[in-house]
Amino acid sequence: MKDAAKAARTLDCLGLYCPEPLFQTRENIDQIKPGEILEVITDDPAAEEDLKRFAKRTGHEIVSFEKNDMQMRFLIKRIE
């Protein structure tokens, strides 16, 4: 998985399950500046929908989403 250099912060949620990846994403997105990107890596199947809904509800932008057999990777841009 590529583009990690663009992320202001990386959140490793491997091994954590619902609702923990969502809670940690919420906390970490608040700790970066608007315009910066949070990278979230998770293997929780529920996180795909949870994080997409979170971004839509809060107005943040998912600039990249990658999924393979083992994990998912989100790049979420903080908007405001």
N, C-alpha and C. Protein backbone atom coordinates (compact mmCIF):
# COMPACT_ATOMS: atom_id res chain seq x y z
N MET A 1 0.85 -1.18 0.00
CA MET A 1 0.00 0.00 0.00
C MET A 1 0.89 1.23 0.00
N LYS A 2 0.51 2.22 -0.79
CA LYS A 2 1.38 3.35 -1.04
C LYS A 2 0.80 4.66 -0.51
N ASP A 3 1.51 5.76 -0.73
CA ASP A 3 1.10 7.12 -0.40
C ASP A 3 1.14 7.47 1.08
N ALA A 4 1.78 6.66 1.93
CA ALA A 4 1.82 6.96 3.36
C ALA A 4 2.53 8.28 3.63
N ALA A 5 3.46 8.69 2.76
CA ALA A 5 4.19 9.94 2.97
C ALA A 5 3.26 11.15 2.96
N LYS A 6 2.11 11.03 2.31
CA LYS A 6 1.16 12.14 2.25
C LYS A 6 0.35 12.29 3.54
N ALA A 7 0.35 11.26 4.36
CA ALA A 7 -0.45 11.29 5.59
C ALA A 7 0.27 12.04 6.69
N ALA A 8 -0.45 12.91 7.38
CA ALA A 8 0.10 13.63 8.52
C ALA A 8 0.22 12.70 9.73
N ARG A 9 -0.62 11.68 9.76
CA ARG A 9 -0.65 10.75 10.88
C ARG A 9 -1.16 9.40 10.38
N THR A 10 -0.62 8.33 10.95
CA THR A 10 -1.06 6.98 10.61
C THR A 10 -1.67 6.33 11.84
N LEU A 11 -2.84 5.76 11.65
CA LEU A 11 -3.56 5.09 12.73
C LEU A 11 -3.63 3.60 12.39
N ASP A 12 -2.97 2.80 13.20
CA ASP A 12 -2.94 1.34 13.00
C ASP A 12 -4.03 0.71 13.86
N CYS A 13 -5.09 0.27 13.23
CA CYS A 13 -6.21 -0.36 13.94
C CYS A 13 -6.27 -1.86 13.67
N LEU A 14 -5.17 -2.44 13.22
CA LEU A 14 -5.16 -3.88 12.96
C LEU A 14 -5.41 -4.64 14.26
N GLY A 15 -6.33 -5.59 14.21
CA GLY A 15 -6.66 -6.38 15.39
C GLY A 15 -7.74 -5.76 16.26
N LEU A 16 -8.18 -4.55 15.93
CA LEU A 16 -9.24 -3.88 16.69
C LEU A 16 -10.56 -4.03 15.94
N TYR A 17 -11.63 -4.23 16.69
CA TYR A 17 -12.92 -4.45 16.05
C TYR A 17 -13.96 -3.46 16.53
N CYS A 18 -15.02 -3.34 15.76
CA CYS A 18 -16.10 -2.40 15.97
C CYS A 18 -16.48 -2.33 17.45
N PRO A 19 -16.56 -1.12 17.96
CA PRO A 19 -16.50 0.18 17.31
C PRO A 19 -15.14 0.88 17.44
N GLU A 20 -14.12 0.18 17.88
CA GLU A 20 -12.84 0.81 18.20
C GLU A 20 -12.19 1.56 17.03
N PRO A 21 -12.13 1.00 15.80
CA PRO A 21 -11.53 1.78 14.71
C PRO A 21 -12.24 3.12 14.47
N LEU A 22 -13.55 3.12 14.58
CA LEU A 22 -14.31 4.36 14.41
C LEU A 22 -13.99 5.35 15.52
N PHE A 23 -13.98 4.91 16.77
CA PHE A 23 -13.65 5.79 17.89
C PHE A 23 -12.26 6.38 17.74
N GLN A 24 -11.29 5.54 17.39
CA GLN A 24 -9.92 6.03 17.27
C GLN A 24 -9.77 6.98 16.07
N THR A 25 -10.49 6.71 15.00
CA THR A 25 -10.46 7.62 13.84
C THR A 25 -10.99 8.98 14.24
N ARG A 26 -12.11 9.00 14.96
CA ARG A 26 -12.69 10.26 15.43
C ARG A 26 -11.69 11.06 16.26
N GLU A 27 -11.05 10.39 17.21
CA GLU A 27 -10.07 11.06 18.08
C GLU A 27 -8.89 11.60 17.28
N ASN A 28 -8.38 10.79 16.38
CA ASN A 28 -7.18 11.17 15.63
C ASN A 28 -7.44 12.23 14.57
N ILE A 29 -8.61 12.24 13.96
CA ILE A 29 -8.90 13.26 12.95
C ILE A 29 -8.96 14.64 13.60
N ASP A 30 -9.37 14.68 14.86
CA ASP A 30 -9.41 15.96 15.59
C ASP A 30 -8.02 16.47 15.94
N GLN A 31 -7.02 15.62 15.87
CA GLN A 31 -5.66 16.01 16.24
C GLN A 31 -4.81 16.46 15.06
N ILE A 32 -5.37 16.41 13.85
CA ILE A 32 -4.64 16.93 12.70
C ILE A 32 -5.30 18.22 12.23
N LYS A 33 -4.58 18.97 11.43
CA LYS A 33 -5.09 20.26 10.95
C LYS A 33 -5.99 20.07 9.73
N PRO A 34 -6.93 21.00 9.53
CA PRO A 34 -7.73 20.94 8.30
C PRO A 34 -6.82 20.91 7.08
N GLY A 35 -7.16 20.05 6.13
CA GLY A 35 -6.35 19.88 4.93
C GLY A 35 -5.35 18.75 5.04
N GLU A 36 -5.04 18.32 6.27
CA GLU A 36 -4.12 17.20 6.45
C GLU A 36 -4.86 15.88 6.31
N ILE A 37 -4.08 14.82 6.13
CA ILE A 37 -4.65 13.50 5.87
C ILE A 37 -4.30 12.52 6.98
N LEU A 38 -5.31 11.77 7.39
CA LEU A 38 -5.14 10.68 8.35
C LEU A 38 -5.19 9.36 7.58
N GLU A 39 -4.16 8.55 7.78
CA GLU A 39 -4.14 7.21 7.20
C GLU A 39 -4.66 6.23 8.25
N VAL A 40 -5.65 5.44 7.90
CA VAL A 40 -6.21 4.44 8.81
C VAL A 40 -6.04 3.06 8.18
N ILE A 41 -5.39 2.17 8.91
CA ILE A 41 -5.21 0.80 8.45
C ILE A 41 -5.98 -0.11 9.40
N THR A 42 -6.85 -0.95 8.84
CA THR A 42 -7.70 -1.80 9.67
C THR A 42 -7.98 -3.14 9.00
N ASP A 43 -8.30 -4.12 9.81
CA ASP A 43 -8.74 -5.40 9.27
C ASP A 43 -10.15 -5.75 9.77
N ASP A 44 -10.83 -4.76 10.34
CA ASP A 44 -12.20 -4.95 10.82
C ASP A 44 -13.17 -4.84 9.64
N PRO A 45 -13.89 -5.90 9.31
CA PRO A 45 -14.81 -5.85 8.17
C PRO A 45 -15.86 -4.73 8.28
N ALA A 46 -16.29 -4.41 9.48
CA ALA A 46 -17.30 -3.37 9.67
C ALA A 46 -16.76 -1.98 9.42
N ALA A 47 -15.46 -1.81 9.48
CA ALA A 47 -14.85 -0.49 9.34
C ALA A 47 -15.08 0.11 7.96
N GLU A 48 -15.22 -0.71 6.94
CA GLU A 48 -15.42 -0.17 5.59
C GLU A 48 -16.64 0.73 5.55
N GLU A 49 -17.77 0.23 5.98
CA GLU A 49 -18.99 1.05 6.00
C GLU A 49 -18.95 2.11 7.09
N ASP A 50 -18.45 1.75 8.28
CA ASP A 50 -18.40 2.70 9.39
C ASP A 50 -17.61 3.95 9.03
N LEU A 51 -16.42 3.78 8.46
CA LEU A 51 -15.57 4.94 8.17
C LEU A 51 -16.09 5.74 6.98
N LYS A 52 -16.69 5.08 6.02
CA LYS A 52 -17.30 5.81 4.89
C LYS A 52 -18.47 6.66 5.38
N ARG A 53 -19.30 6.09 6.25
CA ARG A 53 -20.43 6.85 6.82
C ARG A 53 -19.93 8.00 7.69
N PHE A 54 -18.89 7.73 8.50
CA PHE A 54 -18.31 8.76 9.35
C PHE A 54 -17.85 9.95 8.51
N ALA A 55 -17.11 9.68 7.44
CA ALA A 55 -16.60 10.76 6.59
C ALA A 55 -17.75 11.54 5.97
N LYS A 56 -18.75 10.85 5.49
CA LYS A 56 -19.90 11.53 4.87
C LYS A 56 -20.64 12.40 5.88
N ARG A 57 -20.88 11.85 7.07
CA ARG A 57 -21.61 12.59 8.12
C ARG A 57 -20.86 13.82 8.61
N THR A 58 -19.54 13.71 8.72
CA THR A 58 -18.75 14.79 9.30
C THR A 58 -18.19 15.75 8.26
N GLY A 59 -18.33 15.41 6.98
CA GLY A 59 -17.85 16.28 5.91
C GLY A 59 -16.39 16.09 5.55
N HIS A 60 -15.73 15.11 6.14
CA HIS A 60 -14.35 14.82 5.77
C HIS A 60 -14.34 14.05 4.46
N GLU A 61 -13.20 14.03 3.79
CA GLU A 61 -13.12 13.43 2.46
C GLU A 61 -12.23 12.19 2.46
N ILE A 62 -12.74 11.09 1.97
CA ILE A 62 -11.91 9.90 1.76
C ILE A 62 -11.24 10.08 0.41
N VAL A 63 -9.94 10.36 0.45
CA VAL A 63 -9.20 10.62 -0.79
C VAL A 63 -8.67 9.34 -1.41
N SER A 64 -8.60 8.28 -0.62
CA SER A 64 -8.13 7.00 -1.14
C SER A 64 -8.68 5.88 -0.26
N PHE A 65 -9.04 4.79 -0.91
CA PHE A 65 -9.47 3.58 -0.20
C PHE A 65 -8.91 2.39 -0.94
N GLU A 66 -8.20 1.53 -0.22
CA GLU A 66 -7.64 0.30 -0.80
C GLU A 66 -8.05 -0.86 0.09
N LYS A 67 -8.35 -1.98 -0.56
CA LYS A 67 -8.77 -3.16 0.18
C LYS A 67 -8.12 -4.38 -0.46
N ASN A 68 -7.56 -5.23 0.39
CA ASN A 68 -7.08 -6.52 -0.10
C ASN A 68 -7.63 -7.61 0.82
N ASP A 69 -7.17 -8.82 0.67
CA ASP A 69 -7.70 -9.92 1.47
C ASP A 69 -7.44 -9.78 2.96
N MET A 70 -6.40 -9.04 3.32
CA MET A 70 -5.97 -8.97 4.71
C MET A 70 -6.40 -7.70 5.44
N GLN A 71 -6.46 -6.57 4.73
CA GLN A 71 -6.72 -5.31 5.41
C GLN A 71 -7.27 -4.25 4.46
N MET A 72 -7.67 -3.13 5.07
CA MET A 72 -8.14 -1.96 4.32
C MET A 72 -7.30 -0.77 4.73
N ARG A 73 -7.18 0.16 3.81
CA ARG A 73 -6.42 1.38 4.07
C ARG A 73 -7.23 2.57 3.57
N PHE A 74 -7.48 3.50 4.47
CA PHE A 74 -8.19 4.74 4.15
C PHE A 74 -7.24 5.91 4.27
N LEU A 75 -7.33 6.86 3.36
CA LEU A 75 -6.71 8.17 3.54
C LEU A 75 -7.87 9.15 3.65
N ILE A 76 -8.00 9.76 4.83
CA ILE A 76 -9.13 10.64 5.11
C ILE A 76 -8.60 12.06 5.32
N LYS A 77 -9.07 12.97 4.48
CA LYS A 77 -8.65 14.38 4.56
C LYS A 77 -9.59 15.12 5.50
N ARG A 78 -9.00 15.79 6.47
CA ARG A 78 -9.81 16.58 7.40
C ARG A 78 -10.26 17.86 6.71
N ILE A 79 -11.55 18.10 6.76
CA ILE A 79 -12.14 19.32 6.22
C ILE A 79 -12.72 20.07 7.41
N GLU A 80 -12.10 21.14 7.82
CA GLU A 80 -12.55 21.94 8.98
C GLU A 80 -12.33 21.21 10.25
